[in-house]
Amino acid sequence: MDHLPINHPLRPLWRILAFLAGAYILVFGIIGFIQARAEGIGWFAQENQPTVLWLKANPAFALMSIIVGGVVVLGALIGRNIDRWINLLAGGVFILAGMAMMAVLRTDVNFLGFTMSACITSFILGLVMLAAGLYGRVGSAAERRVEEERRHRSVGDNTGVVGDA
């Protein structure tokens, strides 16, 4: 991943977006857990789930969201390269989870009560976090200079870059 930019000018924007994505997940989880427990919904209920922030929530899905949202928010607050790795991992997991959610929709295996809106939300949040991870690399000024030189070399300048032969 050496070809990714270091200290990208839009890094603060992507960090804020990742924080907002994590905050959405965290708030959804907290409100969903409280509402589901107040209504007496079973941990793995698939029907009659409360709607929170446009998504359905059973206690298990809400608790999982609290944990994941907390990790993403904490990573965004810590910063440095910790948030980068958390966002890369979480982004990939959310995209894969969206695919898995679609695979189990309308089956008995859907024990977290996913809906199509949850799948779409997972894809969107995954893409935001993945982009935040890709543009979130932090380094020294010297590392940035070396990376910029490497990125802007021409193909045929005999610097070890393989070109068309």
N, C-alpha and C. Protein backbone atom coordinates (compact mmCIF):
# COMPACT_ATOMS: atom_id res chain seq x y z
N MET A 1 0.81 -1.19 0.00
CA MET A 1 0.00 0.00 0.00
C MET A 1 0.86 1.25 0.00
N ASP A 2 2.09 1.12 -0.47
CA ASP A 2 2.98 2.28 -0.51
C ASP A 2 2.54 3.33 -1.51
N HIS A 3 1.70 3.00 -2.44
CA HIS A 3 1.29 3.95 -3.47
C HIS A 3 0.17 4.87 -3.02
N LEU A 4 -0.36 4.68 -1.83
CA LEU A 4 -1.43 5.54 -1.33
C LEU A 4 -0.84 6.85 -0.83
N PRO A 5 -1.58 7.95 -0.97
CA PRO A 5 -1.02 9.25 -0.58
C PRO A 5 -0.78 9.37 0.92
N ILE A 6 0.24 10.13 1.26
CA ILE A 6 0.57 10.42 2.66
C ILE A 6 0.16 11.86 2.93
N ASN A 7 -0.49 12.09 4.06
CA ASN A 7 -0.92 13.44 4.46
C ASN A 7 -1.76 14.10 3.37
N HIS A 8 -2.71 13.37 2.83
CA HIS A 8 -3.56 13.91 1.76
C HIS A 8 -4.28 15.15 2.26
N PRO A 9 -4.43 16.18 1.40
CA PRO A 9 -5.09 17.42 1.84
C PRO A 9 -6.53 17.23 2.32
N LEU A 10 -7.22 16.20 1.82
CA LEU A 10 -8.61 15.96 2.23
C LEU A 10 -8.72 14.97 3.39
N ARG A 11 -7.59 14.61 4.00
CA ARG A 11 -7.61 13.66 5.11
C ARG A 11 -8.53 14.11 6.24
N PRO A 12 -8.51 15.39 6.65
CA PRO A 12 -9.43 15.80 7.72
C PRO A 12 -10.90 15.59 7.36
N LEU A 13 -11.25 15.83 6.10
CA LEU A 13 -12.63 15.62 5.67
C LEU A 13 -13.01 14.15 5.79
N TRP A 14 -12.14 13.26 5.31
CA TRP A 14 -12.44 11.82 5.37
C TRP A 14 -12.48 11.33 6.81
N ARG A 15 -11.64 11.92 7.66
CA ARG A 15 -11.66 11.53 9.08
C ARG A 15 -12.98 11.94 9.72
N ILE A 16 -13.48 13.13 9.39
CA ILE A 16 -14.77 13.59 9.92
C ILE A 16 -15.90 12.69 9.40
N LEU A 17 -15.85 12.34 8.11
CA LEU A 17 -16.88 11.47 7.54
C LEU A 17 -16.87 10.09 8.21
N ALA A 18 -15.67 9.56 8.48
CA ALA A 18 -15.58 8.27 9.17
C ALA A 18 -16.12 8.39 10.59
N PHE A 19 -15.83 9.51 11.25
CA PHE A 19 -16.36 9.73 12.59
C PHE A 19 -17.89 9.78 12.55
N LEU A 20 -18.45 10.50 11.58
CA LEU A 20 -19.91 10.59 11.46
C LEU A 20 -20.53 9.23 11.16
N ALA A 21 -19.87 8.43 10.33
CA ALA A 21 -20.37 7.07 10.05
C ALA A 21 -20.37 6.24 11.33
N GLY A 22 -19.28 6.32 12.08
CA GLY A 22 -19.20 5.59 13.34
C GLY A 22 -20.22 6.09 14.35
N ALA A 23 -20.43 7.41 14.38
CA ALA A 23 -21.42 7.98 15.30
C ALA A 23 -22.83 7.52 14.93
N TYR A 24 -23.13 7.45 13.63
CA TYR A 24 -24.44 6.96 13.19
C TYR A 24 -24.64 5.52 13.66
N ILE A 25 -23.63 4.69 13.48
CA ILE A 25 -23.72 3.29 13.88
C ILE A 25 -23.90 3.19 15.39
N LEU A 26 -23.14 3.98 16.14
CA LEU A 26 -23.21 3.96 17.60
C LEU A 26 -24.58 4.43 18.10
N VAL A 27 -25.06 5.54 17.58
CA VAL A 27 -26.37 6.07 18.01
C VAL A 27 -27.48 5.09 17.63
N PHE A 28 -27.41 4.53 16.42
CA PHE A 28 -28.39 3.53 16.03
C PHE A 28 -28.40 2.37 17.02
N GLY A 29 -27.23 1.90 17.38
CA GLY A 29 -27.13 0.78 18.30
C GLY A 29 -27.70 1.09 19.67
N ILE A 30 -27.37 2.26 20.19
CA ILE A 30 -27.84 2.63 21.54
C ILE A 30 -29.36 2.77 21.55
N ILE A 31 -29.89 3.56 20.62
CA ILE A 31 -31.35 3.77 20.59
C ILE A 31 -32.07 2.46 20.27
N GLY A 32 -31.53 1.70 19.32
CA GLY A 32 -32.15 0.42 18.95
C GLY A 32 -32.17 -0.56 20.11
N PHE A 33 -31.10 -0.63 20.86
CA PHE A 33 -31.04 -1.54 22.00
C PHE A 33 -32.06 -1.14 23.06
N ILE A 34 -32.12 0.16 23.35
CA ILE A 34 -33.06 0.65 24.36
C ILE A 34 -34.50 0.39 23.93
N GLN A 35 -34.83 0.72 22.68
CA GLN A 35 -36.20 0.51 22.20
C GLN A 35 -36.57 -0.97 22.14
N ALA A 36 -35.66 -1.80 21.64
CA ALA A 36 -35.96 -3.22 21.51
C ALA A 36 -36.15 -3.87 22.88
N ARG A 37 -35.33 -3.51 23.84
CA ARG A 37 -35.47 -4.08 25.18
C ARG A 37 -36.73 -3.56 25.86
N ALA A 38 -37.07 -2.27 25.62
CA ALA A 38 -38.28 -1.70 26.22
C ALA A 38 -39.54 -2.36 25.66
N GLU A 39 -39.50 -2.75 24.39
CA GLU A 39 -40.66 -3.40 23.77
C GLU A 39 -40.67 -4.91 24.01
N GLY A 40 -39.66 -5.42 24.67
CA GLY A 40 -39.61 -6.86 24.97
C GLY A 40 -39.30 -7.72 23.77
N ILE A 41 -38.60 -7.16 22.79
CA ILE A 41 -38.23 -7.91 21.58
C ILE A 41 -37.16 -8.94 21.95
N GLY A 42 -37.28 -10.14 21.43
CA GLY A 42 -36.28 -11.18 21.67
C GLY A 42 -34.95 -10.81 21.03
N TRP A 43 -33.88 -11.37 21.55
CA TRP A 43 -32.53 -11.03 21.09
C TRP A 43 -32.36 -11.22 19.59
N PHE A 44 -32.93 -12.26 19.05
CA PHE A 44 -32.76 -12.55 17.63
C PHE A 44 -34.09 -12.51 16.87
N ALA A 45 -34.98 -11.61 17.29
CA ALA A 45 -36.29 -11.48 16.66
C ALA A 45 -36.14 -11.05 15.20
N GLN A 46 -36.96 -11.62 14.33
CA GLN A 46 -36.94 -11.28 12.92
C GLN A 46 -38.16 -10.47 12.51
N GLU A 47 -39.13 -10.35 13.39
CA GLU A 47 -40.36 -9.62 13.07
C GLU A 47 -40.68 -8.65 14.19
N ASN A 48 -41.48 -7.64 13.86
CA ASN A 48 -41.94 -6.64 14.81
C ASN A 48 -40.80 -5.90 15.49
N GLN A 49 -39.74 -5.65 14.77
CA GLN A 49 -38.60 -4.92 15.31
C GLN A 49 -38.88 -3.42 15.27
N PRO A 50 -38.37 -2.67 16.25
CA PRO A 50 -38.54 -1.22 16.19
C PRO A 50 -37.68 -0.62 15.07
N THR A 51 -38.16 0.46 14.49
CA THR A 51 -37.39 1.17 13.46
C THR A 51 -36.64 2.31 14.12
N VAL A 52 -35.33 2.31 13.94
CA VAL A 52 -34.46 3.34 14.52
C VAL A 52 -33.58 3.89 13.41
N LEU A 53 -33.62 5.18 13.20
CA LEU A 53 -32.81 5.82 12.16
C LEU A 53 -32.95 5.09 10.82
N TRP A 54 -34.17 4.76 10.45
CA TRP A 54 -34.55 4.14 9.18
C TRP A 54 -34.13 2.68 9.03
N LEU A 55 -33.67 2.07 10.12
CA LEU A 55 -33.29 0.66 10.09
C LEU A 55 -34.03 -0.10 11.18
N LYS A 56 -34.26 -1.39 10.93
CA LYS A 56 -34.87 -2.26 11.94
C LYS A 56 -33.78 -2.75 12.89
N ALA A 57 -34.15 -2.92 14.17
CA ALA A 57 -33.15 -3.32 15.16
C ALA A 57 -33.71 -4.37 16.10
N ASN A 58 -32.99 -5.47 16.25
CA ASN A 58 -33.24 -6.36 17.37
C ASN A 58 -32.07 -6.19 18.33
N PRO A 59 -32.17 -6.63 19.58
CA PRO A 59 -31.10 -6.36 20.54
C PRO A 59 -29.72 -6.86 20.12
N ALA A 60 -29.64 -8.00 19.47
CA ALA A 60 -28.34 -8.53 19.06
C ALA A 60 -27.67 -7.62 18.02
N PHE A 61 -28.44 -7.20 17.01
CA PHE A 61 -27.92 -6.31 15.97
C PHE A 61 -27.55 -4.96 16.57
N ALA A 62 -28.37 -4.47 17.50
CA ALA A 62 -28.09 -3.19 18.14
C ALA A 62 -26.81 -3.27 18.99
N LEU A 63 -26.63 -4.34 19.73
CA LEU A 63 -25.43 -4.48 20.56
C LEU A 63 -24.18 -4.58 19.69
N MET A 64 -24.27 -5.32 18.61
CA MET A 64 -23.15 -5.41 17.68
C MET A 64 -22.84 -4.03 17.09
N SER A 65 -23.86 -3.24 16.80
CA SER A 65 -23.66 -1.90 16.26
C SER A 65 -23.00 -0.98 17.29
N ILE A 66 -23.35 -1.13 18.55
CA ILE A 66 -22.72 -0.31 19.60
C ILE A 66 -21.23 -0.58 19.65
N ILE A 67 -20.85 -1.83 19.59
CA ILE A 67 -19.43 -2.20 19.67
C ILE A 67 -18.67 -1.67 18.45
N VAL A 68 -19.18 -1.95 17.26
CA VAL A 68 -18.49 -1.53 16.03
C VAL A 68 -18.46 0.00 15.93
N GLY A 69 -19.58 0.65 16.20
CA GLY A 69 -19.62 2.11 16.15
C GLY A 69 -18.66 2.74 17.15
N GLY A 70 -18.57 2.17 18.33
CA GLY A 70 -17.63 2.67 19.34
C GLY A 70 -16.19 2.56 18.90
N VAL A 71 -15.85 1.44 18.27
CA VAL A 71 -14.47 1.26 17.78
C VAL A 71 -14.14 2.27 16.68
N VAL A 72 -15.07 2.48 15.74
CA VAL A 72 -14.84 3.43 14.65
C VAL A 72 -14.72 4.86 15.18
N VAL A 73 -15.60 5.24 16.10
CA VAL A 73 -15.53 6.58 16.69
C VAL A 73 -14.24 6.77 17.47
N LEU A 74 -13.87 5.78 18.26
CA LEU A 74 -12.64 5.86 19.03
C LEU A 74 -11.43 5.98 18.11
N GLY A 75 -11.41 5.21 17.03
CA GLY A 75 -10.32 5.32 16.07
C GLY A 75 -10.24 6.70 15.44
N ALA A 76 -11.39 7.27 15.09
CA ALA A 76 -11.40 8.62 14.50
C ALA A 76 -10.92 9.66 15.50
N LEU A 77 -11.23 9.47 16.77
CA LEU A 77 -10.79 10.42 17.79
C LEU A 77 -9.29 10.30 18.07
N ILE A 78 -8.76 9.09 18.04
CA ILE A 78 -7.33 8.87 18.28
C ILE A 78 -6.52 9.39 17.10
N GLY A 79 -6.95 9.07 15.89
CA GLY A 79 -6.27 9.56 14.69
C GLY A 79 -5.01 8.79 14.39
N ARG A 80 -3.96 9.54 14.02
CA ARG A 80 -2.69 8.98 13.57
C ARG A 80 -2.97 7.95 12.48
N ASN A 81 -2.31 6.82 12.49
CA ASN A 81 -2.59 5.80 11.51
C ASN A 81 -3.51 4.72 12.06
N ILE A 82 -3.90 4.85 13.32
CA ILE A 82 -4.82 3.89 13.92
C ILE A 82 -6.17 3.96 13.23
N ASP A 83 -6.66 5.19 13.01
CA ASP A 83 -7.96 5.34 12.34
C ASP A 83 -7.91 4.81 10.92
N ARG A 84 -6.77 4.94 10.28
CA ARG A 84 -6.63 4.44 8.90
C ARG A 84 -6.87 2.94 8.85
N TRP A 85 -6.20 2.20 9.73
CA TRP A 85 -6.33 0.75 9.72
C TRP A 85 -7.72 0.30 10.16
N ILE A 86 -8.29 0.99 11.16
CA ILE A 86 -9.65 0.66 11.59
C ILE A 86 -10.62 0.90 10.44
N ASN A 87 -10.47 2.03 9.75
CA ASN A 87 -11.39 2.35 8.65
C ASN A 87 -11.23 1.38 7.48
N LEU A 88 -9.99 1.01 7.16
CA LEU A 88 -9.80 0.03 6.08
C LEU A 88 -10.46 -1.30 6.43
N LEU A 89 -10.24 -1.76 7.65
CA LEU A 89 -10.82 -3.03 8.07
C LEU A 89 -12.34 -2.94 8.15
N ALA A 90 -12.85 -1.90 8.81
CA ALA A 90 -14.30 -1.75 8.97
C ALA A 90 -14.98 -1.56 7.61
N GLY A 91 -14.36 -0.79 6.72
CA GLY A 91 -14.95 -0.59 5.40
C GLY A 91 -15.10 -1.89 4.64
N GLY A 92 -14.05 -2.70 4.65
CA GLY A 92 -14.13 -4.00 3.98
C GLY A 92 -15.15 -4.91 4.63
N VAL A 93 -15.20 -4.91 5.95
CA VAL A 93 -16.15 -5.75 6.66
C VAL A 93 -17.59 -5.32 6.36
N PHE A 94 -17.84 -4.01 6.33
CA PHE A 94 -19.19 -3.53 6.05
C PHE A 94 -19.63 -3.88 4.63
N ILE A 95 -18.73 -3.81 3.68
CA ILE A 95 -19.10 -4.18 2.31
C ILE A 95 -19.39 -5.68 2.22
N LEU A 96 -18.54 -6.49 2.83
CA LEU A 96 -18.79 -7.93 2.84
C LEU A 96 -20.04 -8.28 3.64
N ALA A 97 -20.27 -7.56 4.73
CA ALA A 97 -21.47 -7.80 5.54
C ALA A 97 -22.72 -7.46 4.75
N GLY A 98 -22.67 -6.40 3.95
CA GLY A 98 -23.81 -6.05 3.11
C GLY A 98 -24.15 -7.17 2.13
N MET A 99 -23.11 -7.77 1.57
CA MET A 99 -23.33 -8.90 0.66
C MET A 99 -23.91 -10.10 1.42
N ALA A 100 -23.38 -10.37 2.61
CA ALA A 100 -23.88 -11.49 3.41
C ALA A 100 -25.33 -11.24 3.83
N MET A 101 -25.63 -9.98 4.18
CA MET A 101 -27.01 -9.65 4.56
C MET A 101 -27.98 -9.92 3.41
N MET A 102 -27.57 -9.55 2.21
CA MET A 102 -28.45 -9.79 1.05
C MET A 102 -28.63 -11.28 0.82
N ALA A 103 -27.61 -12.06 1.11
CA ALA A 103 -27.70 -13.50 0.88
C ALA A 103 -28.69 -14.16 1.84
N VAL A 104 -28.86 -13.61 3.04
CA VAL A 104 -29.73 -14.25 4.02
C VAL A 104 -31.09 -13.58 4.16
N LEU A 105 -31.35 -12.54 3.38
CA LEU A 105 -32.66 -11.90 3.45
C LEU A 105 -33.75 -12.92 3.17
N ARG A 106 -34.83 -12.83 3.90
CA ARG A 106 -36.01 -13.69 3.73
C ARG A 106 -35.70 -15.18 3.92
N THR A 107 -34.72 -15.45 4.78
CA THR A 107 -34.44 -16.84 5.15
C THR A 107 -34.49 -16.95 6.68
N ASP A 108 -34.47 -18.17 7.16
CA ASP A 108 -34.44 -18.38 8.61
C ASP A 108 -33.07 -18.07 9.21
N VAL A 109 -32.06 -17.94 8.38
CA VAL A 109 -30.71 -17.65 8.85
C VAL A 109 -30.55 -16.16 9.19
N ASN A 110 -31.51 -15.35 8.84
CA ASN A 110 -31.46 -13.91 9.08
C ASN A 110 -31.79 -13.62 10.55
N PHE A 111 -30.95 -14.11 11.46
CA PHE A 111 -31.25 -13.98 12.89
C PHE A 111 -30.97 -12.59 13.44
N LEU A 112 -30.34 -11.72 12.67
CA LEU A 112 -30.16 -10.33 13.11
C LEU A 112 -31.23 -9.41 12.52
N GLY A 113 -32.15 -9.97 11.77
CA GLY A 113 -33.28 -9.22 11.27
C GLY A 113 -32.94 -8.16 10.24
N PHE A 114 -32.03 -8.46 9.35
CA PHE A 114 -31.63 -7.50 8.33
C PHE A 114 -32.76 -7.22 7.35
N THR A 115 -32.75 -6.02 6.80
CA THR A 115 -33.66 -5.63 5.73
C THR A 115 -32.81 -5.11 4.58
N MET A 116 -33.44 -4.85 3.44
CA MET A 116 -32.68 -4.33 2.30
C MET A 116 -32.10 -2.95 2.62
N SER A 117 -32.80 -2.16 3.41
CA SER A 117 -32.27 -0.85 3.78
C SER A 117 -31.00 -0.99 4.62
N ALA A 118 -30.92 -2.04 5.43
CA ALA A 118 -29.71 -2.30 6.20
C ALA A 118 -28.55 -2.68 5.28
N CYS A 119 -28.84 -3.43 4.22
CA CYS A 119 -27.81 -3.80 3.25
C CYS A 119 -27.26 -2.56 2.55
N ILE A 120 -28.14 -1.72 2.10
CA ILE A 120 -27.72 -0.50 1.38
C ILE A 120 -26.94 0.41 2.32
N THR A 121 -27.41 0.56 3.55
CA THR A 121 -26.69 1.38 4.53
C THR A 121 -25.31 0.80 4.80
N SER A 122 -25.21 -0.50 4.88
CA SER A 122 -23.92 -1.14 5.10
C SER A 122 -22.96 -0.85 3.95
N PHE A 123 -23.44 -0.90 2.71
CA PHE A 123 -22.60 -0.59 1.56
C PHE A 123 -22.12 0.86 1.61
N ILE A 124 -23.02 1.78 1.90
CA ILE A 124 -22.66 3.20 1.93
C ILE A 124 -21.64 3.48 3.03
N LEU A 125 -21.91 2.98 4.24
CA LEU A 125 -20.98 3.20 5.34
C LEU A 125 -19.64 2.53 5.06
N GLY A 126 -19.68 1.36 4.46
CA GLY A 126 -18.43 0.66 4.11
C GLY A 126 -17.60 1.44 3.12
N LEU A 127 -18.24 2.01 2.11
CA LEU A 127 -17.50 2.80 1.13
C LEU A 127 -16.91 4.06 1.73
N VAL A 128 -17.66 4.71 2.61
CA VAL A 128 -17.14 5.92 3.27
C VAL A 128 -15.93 5.57 4.13
N MET A 129 -16.04 4.50 4.92
CA MET A 129 -14.91 4.13 5.78
C MET A 129 -13.72 3.62 4.98
N LEU A 130 -13.98 2.90 3.91
CA LEU A 130 -12.89 2.42 3.07
C LEU A 130 -12.15 3.59 2.43
N ALA A 131 -12.87 4.57 1.92
CA ALA A 131 -12.23 5.76 1.35
C ALA A 131 -11.46 6.52 2.41
N ALA A 132 -12.03 6.62 3.61
CA ALA A 132 -11.33 7.30 4.71
C ALA A 132 -10.03 6.58 5.04
N GLY A 133 -10.06 5.27 5.00
CA GLY A 133 -8.84 4.51 5.26
C GLY A 133 -7.80 4.67 4.16
N LEU A 134 -8.25 4.73 2.91
CA LEU A 134 -7.32 4.87 1.80
C LEU A 134 -6.64 6.24 1.78
N TYR A 135 -7.36 7.27 2.20
CA TYR A 135 -6.80 8.62 2.18
C TYR A 135 -6.36 9.09 3.55
N GLY A 136 -6.32 8.20 4.53
CA GLY A 136 -6.01 8.60 5.90
C GLY A 136 -4.59 8.36 6.34
N ARG A 137 -3.70 8.03 5.44
CA ARG A 137 -2.32 7.72 5.81
C ARG A 137 -1.59 8.96 6.28
N VAL A 138 -0.93 8.85 7.43
CA VAL A 138 -0.19 9.96 8.01
C VAL A 138 1.29 9.61 8.00
N GLY A 139 2.13 10.59 7.71
CA GLY A 139 3.57 10.38 7.73
C GLY A 139 4.30 11.69 7.86
N SER A 140 5.61 11.59 7.93
CA SER A 140 6.44 12.80 8.05
C SER A 140 6.51 13.51 6.70
N ALA A 141 7.04 14.71 6.73
CA ALA A 141 7.19 15.48 5.49
C ALA A 141 8.13 14.77 4.53
N ALA A 142 9.17 14.14 5.06
CA ALA A 142 10.12 13.41 4.21
C ALA A 142 9.45 12.21 3.54
N GLU A 143 8.63 11.47 4.29
CA GLU A 143 7.91 10.34 3.72
C GLU A 143 6.95 10.80 2.63
N ARG A 144 6.31 11.92 2.86
CA ARG A 144 5.38 12.45 1.86
C ARG A 144 6.14 12.84 0.59
N ARG A 145 7.28 13.48 0.74
CA ARG A 145 8.07 13.90 -0.41
C ARG A 145 8.51 12.68 -1.23
N VAL A 146 9.00 11.65 -0.56
CA VAL A 146 9.43 10.43 -1.25
C VAL A 146 8.26 9.80 -1.99
N GLU A 147 7.10 9.73 -1.33
CA GLU A 147 5.92 9.13 -1.96
C GLU A 147 5.47 9.94 -3.17
N GLU A 148 5.47 11.26 -3.06
CA GLU A 148 5.06 12.10 -4.19
C GLU A 148 6.02 11.94 -5.37
N GLU A 149 7.31 11.84 -5.09
CA GLU A 149 8.28 11.63 -6.17
C GLU A 149 8.03 10.28 -6.85
N ARG A 150 7.77 9.25 -6.07
CA ARG A 150 7.51 7.93 -6.63
C ARG A 150 6.23 7.94 -7.48
N ARG A 151 5.21 8.63 -7.03
CA ARG A 151 3.94 8.65 -7.76
C ARG A 151 4.02 9.43 -9.06
N HIS A 152 4.91 10.40 -9.15
CA HIS A 152 4.95 11.28 -10.32
C HIS A 152 6.08 10.97 -11.29
N ARG A 153 6.79 9.87 -11.06
CA ARG A 153 7.83 9.46 -12.01
C ARG A 153 7.20 9.04 -13.33
N SER A 154 7.90 9.27 -14.42
CA SER A 154 7.40 8.77 -15.70
C SER A 154 7.77 7.31 -15.84
N VAL A 155 7.09 6.60 -16.69
CA VAL A 155 7.25 5.15 -16.83
C VAL A 155 8.63 4.78 -17.37
N GLY A 156 9.16 5.53 -18.28
CA GLY A 156 10.41 5.13 -18.93
C GLY A 156 11.65 5.85 -18.46
N ASP A 157 11.73 6.27 -17.19
CA ASP A 157 12.87 7.06 -16.75
C ASP A 157 13.97 6.24 -16.09
N ASN A 158 13.95 4.91 -16.28
CA ASN A 158 14.99 4.00 -15.78
C ASN A 158 15.14 4.07 -14.26
N THR A 159 14.06 4.20 -13.55
CA THR A 159 14.11 4.25 -12.09
C THR A 159 13.63 2.96 -11.46
N GLY A 160 13.57 1.94 -12.23
CA GLY A 160 13.11 0.66 -11.71
C GLY A 160 11.65 0.40 -11.93
N VAL A 161 10.96 1.34 -12.52
CA VAL A 161 9.55 1.16 -12.81
C VAL A 161 9.43 0.40 -14.11
N VAL A 162 8.70 -0.67 -14.11
CA VAL A 162 8.56 -1.49 -15.30
C VAL A 162 7.55 -0.84 -16.24
N GLY A 163 7.95 -0.66 -17.47
CA GLY A 163 7.03 -0.07 -18.46
C GLY A 163 6.79 -1.04 -19.60
N ASP A 164 6.23 -0.55 -20.68
CA ASP A 164 6.00 -1.39 -21.86
C ASP A 164 7.34 -1.69 -22.53
N ALA A 165 7.58 -2.93 -22.81
CA ALA A 165 8.84 -3.29 -23.45
C ALA A 165 8.64 -3.58 -24.92
